[in-house]
Amino acid sequence: MQVTVRATPEERAWFLHVASAQQITLSDLVRQSIAIEGARLGIPAPAAPVAA
């Protein structure tokens, strides 16, 4: 699935800076943020796929 997020150039630069500081990709940062917000709302994240 692909999700599009609209952000200003300044917001995108900030997100990239945060992801870089954590040494993760922007996609991973978004996944983590969504999982954290879901947990805050009491909605469990789906299980991560298991590598073969």
PDB file of N, CA and C in Angstrom:
ATOM      1  N   MET A   1       0.843  -1.174   0.000  1.00  0.00           N
ATOM      2  CA  MET A   1       0.000   0.000   0.000  1.00  0.00           C
ATOM      3  C   MET A   1       0.886   1.234   0.000  1.00  0.00           C
ATOM      4  N   GLN A   2       0.460   2.231  -0.694  1.00  0.00           N
ATOM      5  CA  GLN A   2       1.197   3.488  -0.731  1.00  0.00           C
ATOM      6  C   GLN A   2       0.323   4.575  -0.126  1.00  0.00           C
ATOM      7  N   VAL A   3       0.922   5.380   0.711  1.00  0.00           N
ATOM      8  CA  VAL A   3       0.231   6.490   1.351  1.00  0.00           C
ATOM      9  C   VAL A   3       0.943   7.777   0.970  1.00  0.00           C
ATOM     10  N   THR A   4       0.180   8.784   0.598  1.00  0.00           N
ATOM     11  CA  THR A   4       0.753  10.079   0.267  1.00  0.00           C
ATOM     12  C   THR A   4       0.490  11.052   1.403  1.00  0.00           C
ATOM     13  N   VAL A   5       1.530  11.724   1.835  1.00  0.00           N
ATOM     14  CA  VAL A   5       1.410  12.704   2.909  1.00  0.00           C
ATOM     15  C   VAL A   5       1.823  14.056   2.343  1.00  0.00           C
ATOM     16  N   ARG A   6       0.977  15.031   2.496  1.00  0.00           N
ATOM     17  CA  ARG A   6       1.317  16.379   2.036  1.00  0.00           C
ATOM     18  C   ARG A   6       2.072  17.098   3.156  1.00  0.00           C
ATOM     19  N   ALA A   7       3.182  17.672   2.790  1.00  0.00           N
ATOM     20  CA  ALA A   7       4.004  18.391   3.760  1.00  0.00           C
ATOM     21  C   ALA A   7       4.688  19.547   3.054  1.00  0.00           C
ATOM     22  N   THR A   8       4.923  20.599   3.804  1.00  0.00           N
ATOM     23  CA  THR A   8       5.674  21.723   3.253  1.00  0.00           C
ATOM     24  C   THR A   8       7.131  21.298   3.110  1.00  0.00           C
ATOM     25  N   PRO A   9       7.899  22.007   2.297  1.00  0.00           N
ATOM     26  CA  PRO A   9       9.325  21.674   2.191  1.00  0.00           C
ATOM     27  C   PRO A   9      10.033  21.715   3.564  1.00  0.00           C
ATOM     28  N   GLU A  10       9.626  22.639   4.407  1.00  0.00           N
ATOM     29  CA  GLU A  10      10.241  22.743   5.735  1.00  0.00           C
ATOM     30  C   GLU A  10       9.892  21.524   6.594  1.00  0.00           C
ATOM     31  N   GLU A  11       8.629  21.080   6.521  1.00  0.00           N
ATOM     32  CA  GLU A  11       8.227  19.894   7.284  1.00  0.00           C
ATOM     33  C   GLU A  11       8.972  18.662   6.776  1.00  0.00           C
ATOM     34  N   ARG A  12       9.069  18.524   5.466  1.00  0.00           N
ATOM     35  CA  ARG A  12       9.772  17.374   4.897  1.00  0.00           C
ATOM     36  C   ARG A  12      11.239  17.370   5.339  1.00  0.00           C
ATOM     37  N   ALA A  13      11.868  18.518   5.316  1.00  0.00           N
ATOM     38  CA  ALA A  13      13.262  18.602   5.759  1.00  0.00           C
ATOM     39  C   ALA A  13      13.390  18.197   7.227  1.00  0.00           C
ATOM     40  N   TRP A  14      12.425  18.614   8.057  1.00  0.00           N
ATOM     41  CA  TRP A  14      12.452  18.260   9.477  1.00  0.00           C
ATOM     42  C   TRP A  14      12.279  16.755   9.659  1.00  0.00           C
ATOM     43  N   PHE A  15      11.313  16.158   8.931  1.00  0.00           N
ATOM     44  CA  PHE A  15      11.100  14.709   9.025  1.00  0.00           C
ATOM     45  C   PHE A  15      12.349  13.954   8.596  1.00  0.00           C
ATOM     46  N   LEU A  16      12.978  14.391   7.503  1.00  0.00           N
ATOM     47  CA  LEU A  16      14.202  13.739   7.045  1.00  0.00           C
ATOM     48  C   LEU A  16      15.330  13.879   8.057  1.00  0.00           C
ATOM     49  N   HIS A  17      15.405  15.043   8.707  1.00  0.00           N
ATOM     50  CA  HIS A  17      16.429  15.261   9.739  1.00  0.00           C
ATOM     51  C   HIS A  17      16.211  14.313  10.923  1.00  0.00           C
ATOM     52  N   VAL A  18      14.963  14.175  11.359  1.00  0.00           N
ATOM     53  CA  VAL A  18      14.645  13.272  12.475  1.00  0.00           C
ATOM     54  C   VAL A  18      14.970  11.827  12.087  1.00  0.00           C
ATOM     55  N   ALA A  19      14.558  11.412  10.898  1.00  0.00           N
ATOM     56  CA  ALA A  19      14.844  10.043  10.445  1.00  0.00           C
ATOM     57  C   ALA A  19      16.348   9.806  10.371  1.00  0.00           C
ATOM     58  N   SER A  20      17.084  10.778   9.846  1.00  0.00           N
ATOM     59  CA  SER A  20      18.527  10.645   9.745  1.00  0.00           C
ATOM     60  C   SER A  20      19.171  10.532  11.118  1.00  0.00           C
ATOM     61  N   ALA A  21      18.700  11.327  12.058  1.00  0.00           N
ATOM     62  CA  ALA A  21      19.246  11.283  13.420  1.00  0.00           C
ATOM     63  C   ALA A  21      19.028   9.911  14.054  1.00  0.00           C
ATOM     64  N   GLN A  22      17.924   9.250  13.678  1.00  0.00           N
ATOM     65  CA  GLN A  22      17.630   7.920  14.212  1.00  0.00           C
ATOM     66  C   GLN A  22      18.225   6.817  13.338  1.00  0.00           C
ATOM     67  N   GLN A  23      18.856   7.207  12.240  1.00  0.00           N
ATOM     68  CA  GLN A  23      19.458   6.279  11.281  1.00  0.00           C
ATOM     69  C   GLN A  23      18.426   5.289  10.752  1.00  0.00           C
ATOM     70  N   ILE A  24      17.247   5.824  10.385  1.00  0.00           N
ATOM     71  CA  ILE A  24      16.186   5.024   9.788  1.00  0.00           C
ATOM     72  C   ILE A  24      15.675   5.752   8.549  1.00  0.00           C
ATOM     73  N   THR A  25      14.891   5.059   7.751  1.00  0.00           N
ATOM     74  CA  THR A  25      14.329   5.689   6.559  1.00  0.00           C
ATOM     75  C   THR A  25      13.116   6.530   6.946  1.00  0.00           C
ATOM     76  N   LEU A  26      12.739   7.399   6.048  1.00  0.00           N
ATOM     77  CA  LEU A  26      11.547   8.210   6.263  1.00  0.00           C
ATOM     78  C   LEU A  26      10.321   7.301   6.382  1.00  0.00           C
ATOM     79  N   SER A  27      10.255   6.251   5.581  1.00  0.00           N
ATOM     80  CA  SER A  27       9.135   5.299   5.664  1.00  0.00           C
ATOM     81  C   SER A  27       9.062   4.652   7.044  1.00  0.00           C
ATOM     82  N   ASP A  28      10.216   4.268   7.586  1.00  0.00           N
ATOM     83  CA  ASP A  28      10.233   3.668   8.927  1.00  0.00           C
ATOM     84  C   ASP A  28       9.788   4.672   9.983  1.00  0.00           C
ATOM     85  N   LEU A  29      10.182   5.921   9.833  1.00  0.00           N
ATOM     86  CA  LEU A  29       9.762   6.958  10.774  1.00  0.00           C
ATOM     87  C   LEU A  29       8.243   7.112  10.752  1.00  0.00           C
ATOM     88  N   VAL A  30       7.676   7.113   9.554  1.00  0.00           N
ATOM     89  CA  VAL A  30       6.218   7.236   9.432  1.00  0.00           C
ATOM     90  C   VAL A  30       5.538   6.033  10.065  1.00  0.00           C
ATOM     91  N   ARG A  31       6.037   4.824   9.779  1.00  0.00           N
ATOM     92  CA  ARG A  31       5.449   3.608  10.379  1.00  0.00           C
ATOM     93  C   ARG A  31       5.492   3.680  11.904  1.00  0.00           C
ATOM     94  N   GLN A  32       6.626   4.081  12.450  1.00  0.00           N
ATOM     95  CA  GLN A  32       6.755   4.175  13.906  1.00  0.00           C
ATOM     96  C   GLN A  32       5.776   5.195  14.474  1.00  0.00           C
ATOM     97  N   SER A  33       5.660   6.327  13.818  1.00  0.00           N
ATOM     98  CA  SER A  33       4.765   7.380  14.293  1.00  0.00           C
ATOM     99  C   SER A  33       3.317   6.916  14.291  1.00  0.00           C
ATOM    100  N   ILE A  34       2.915   6.212  13.226  1.00  0.00           N
ATOM    101  CA  ILE A  34       1.550   5.705  13.151  1.00  0.00           C
ATOM    102  C   ILE A  34       1.320   4.649  14.223  1.00  0.00           C
ATOM    103  N   ALA A  35       2.289   3.771  14.431  1.00  0.00           N
ATOM    104  CA  ALA A  35       2.156   2.731  15.455  1.00  0.00           C
ATOM    105  C   ALA A  35       2.039   3.345  16.846  1.00  0.00           C
ATOM    106  N   ILE A  36       2.810   4.380  17.117  1.00  0.00           N
ATOM    107  CA  ILE A  36       2.756   5.053  18.421  1.00  0.00           C
ATOM    108  C   ILE A  36       1.389   5.694  18.626  1.00  0.00           C
ATOM    109  N   GLU A  37       0.893   6.370  17.609  1.00  0.00           N
ATOM    110  CA  GLU A  37      -0.422   7.016  17.724  1.00  0.00           C
ATOM    111  C   GLU A  37      -1.522   5.973  17.862  1.00  0.00           C
ATOM    112  N   GLY A  38      -1.415   4.873  17.121  1.00  0.00           N
ATOM    113  CA  GLY A  38      -2.396   3.796  17.249  1.00  0.00           C
ATOM    114  C   GLY A  38      -2.398   3.220  18.655  1.00  0.00           C
ATOM    115  N   ALA A  39      -1.214   2.992  19.208  1.00  0.00           N
ATOM    116  CA  ALA A  39      -1.117   2.466  20.579  1.00  0.00           C
ATOM    117  C   ALA A  39      -1.714   3.448  21.578  1.00  0.00           C
ATOM    118  N   ARG A  40      -1.468   4.717  21.353  1.00  0.00           N
ATOM    119  CA  ARG A  40      -2.038   5.736  22.249  1.00  0.00           C
ATOM    120  C   ARG A  40      -3.558   5.683  22.238  1.00  0.00           C
ATOM    121  N   LEU A  41      -4.116   5.347  21.072  1.00  0.00           N
ATOM    122  CA  LEU A  41      -5.571   5.252  20.931  1.00  0.00           C
ATOM    123  C   LEU A  41      -6.105   3.868  21.295  1.00  0.00           C
ATOM    124  N   GLY A  42      -5.197   2.962  21.659  1.00  0.00           N
ATOM    125  CA  GLY A  42      -5.617   1.611  22.035  1.00  0.00           C
ATOM    126  C   GLY A  42      -5.838   0.691  20.837  1.00  0.00           C
ATOM    127  N   ILE A  43      -5.255   1.032  19.701  1.00  0.00           N
ATOM    128  CA  ILE A  43      -5.401   0.225  18.489  1.00  0.00           C
ATOM    129  C   ILE A  43      -4.059  -0.460  18.240  1.00  0.00           C
ATOM    130  N   PRO A  44      -3.983  -1.779  18.432  1.00  0.00           N
ATOM    131  CA  PRO A  44      -2.691  -2.454  18.259  1.00  0.00           C
ATOM    132  C   PRO A  44      -2.245  -2.471  16.804  1.00  0.00           C
ATOM    133  N   ALA A  45      -0.949  -2.372  16.622  1.00  0.00           N
ATOM    134  CA  ALA A  45      -0.372  -2.441  15.281  1.00  0.00           C
ATOM    135  C   ALA A  45      -0.414  -3.881  14.804  1.00  0.00           C
ATOM    136  N   PRO A  46      -0.524  -4.120  13.502  1.00  0.00           N
ATOM    137  CA  PRO A  46      -0.475  -5.487  13.000  1.00  0.00           C
ATOM    138  C   PRO A  46       0.909  -6.080  13.236  1.00  0.00           C
ATOM    139  N   ALA A  47       0.951  -7.397  13.290  1.00  0.00           N
ATOM    140  CA  ALA A  47       2.235  -8.065  13.477  1.00  0.00           C
ATOM    141  C   ALA A  47       3.137  -7.801  12.286  1.00  0.00           C
ATOM    142  N   ALA A  48       4.406  -7.606  12.561  1.00  0.00           N
ATOM    143  CA  ALA A  48       5.378  -7.380  11.491  1.00  0.00           C
ATOM    144  C   ALA A  48       5.558  -8.679  10.704  1.00  0.00           C
ATOM    145  N   PRO A  49       5.757  -8.580   9.407  1.00  0.00           N
ATOM    146  CA  PRO A  49       5.984  -9.802   8.628  1.00  0.00           C
ATOM    147  C   PRO A  49       7.268 -10.479   9.059  1.00  0.00           C
ATOM    148  N   VAL A  50       7.273 -11.785   8.985  1.00  0.00           N
ATOM    149  CA  VAL A  50       8.438 -12.565   9.382  1.00  0.00           C
ATOM    150  C   VAL A  50       9.261 -12.849   8.146  1.00  0.00           C
ATOM    151  N   ALA A  51      10.550 -12.551   8.206  1.00  0.00           N
ATOM    152  CA  ALA A  51      11.434 -12.801   7.067  1.00  0.00           C
ATOM    153  C   ALA A  51      11.599 -14.304   6.873  1.00  0.00           C
ATOM    154  N   ALA A  52      11.624 -14.723   5.624  1.00  0.00           N
ATOM    155  CA  ALA A  52      11.767 -16.163   5.321  1.00  0.00           C
ATOM    156  C   ALA A  52      13.188 -16.608   5.454  1.00  0.00           C
TER     157      ALA A  52
END
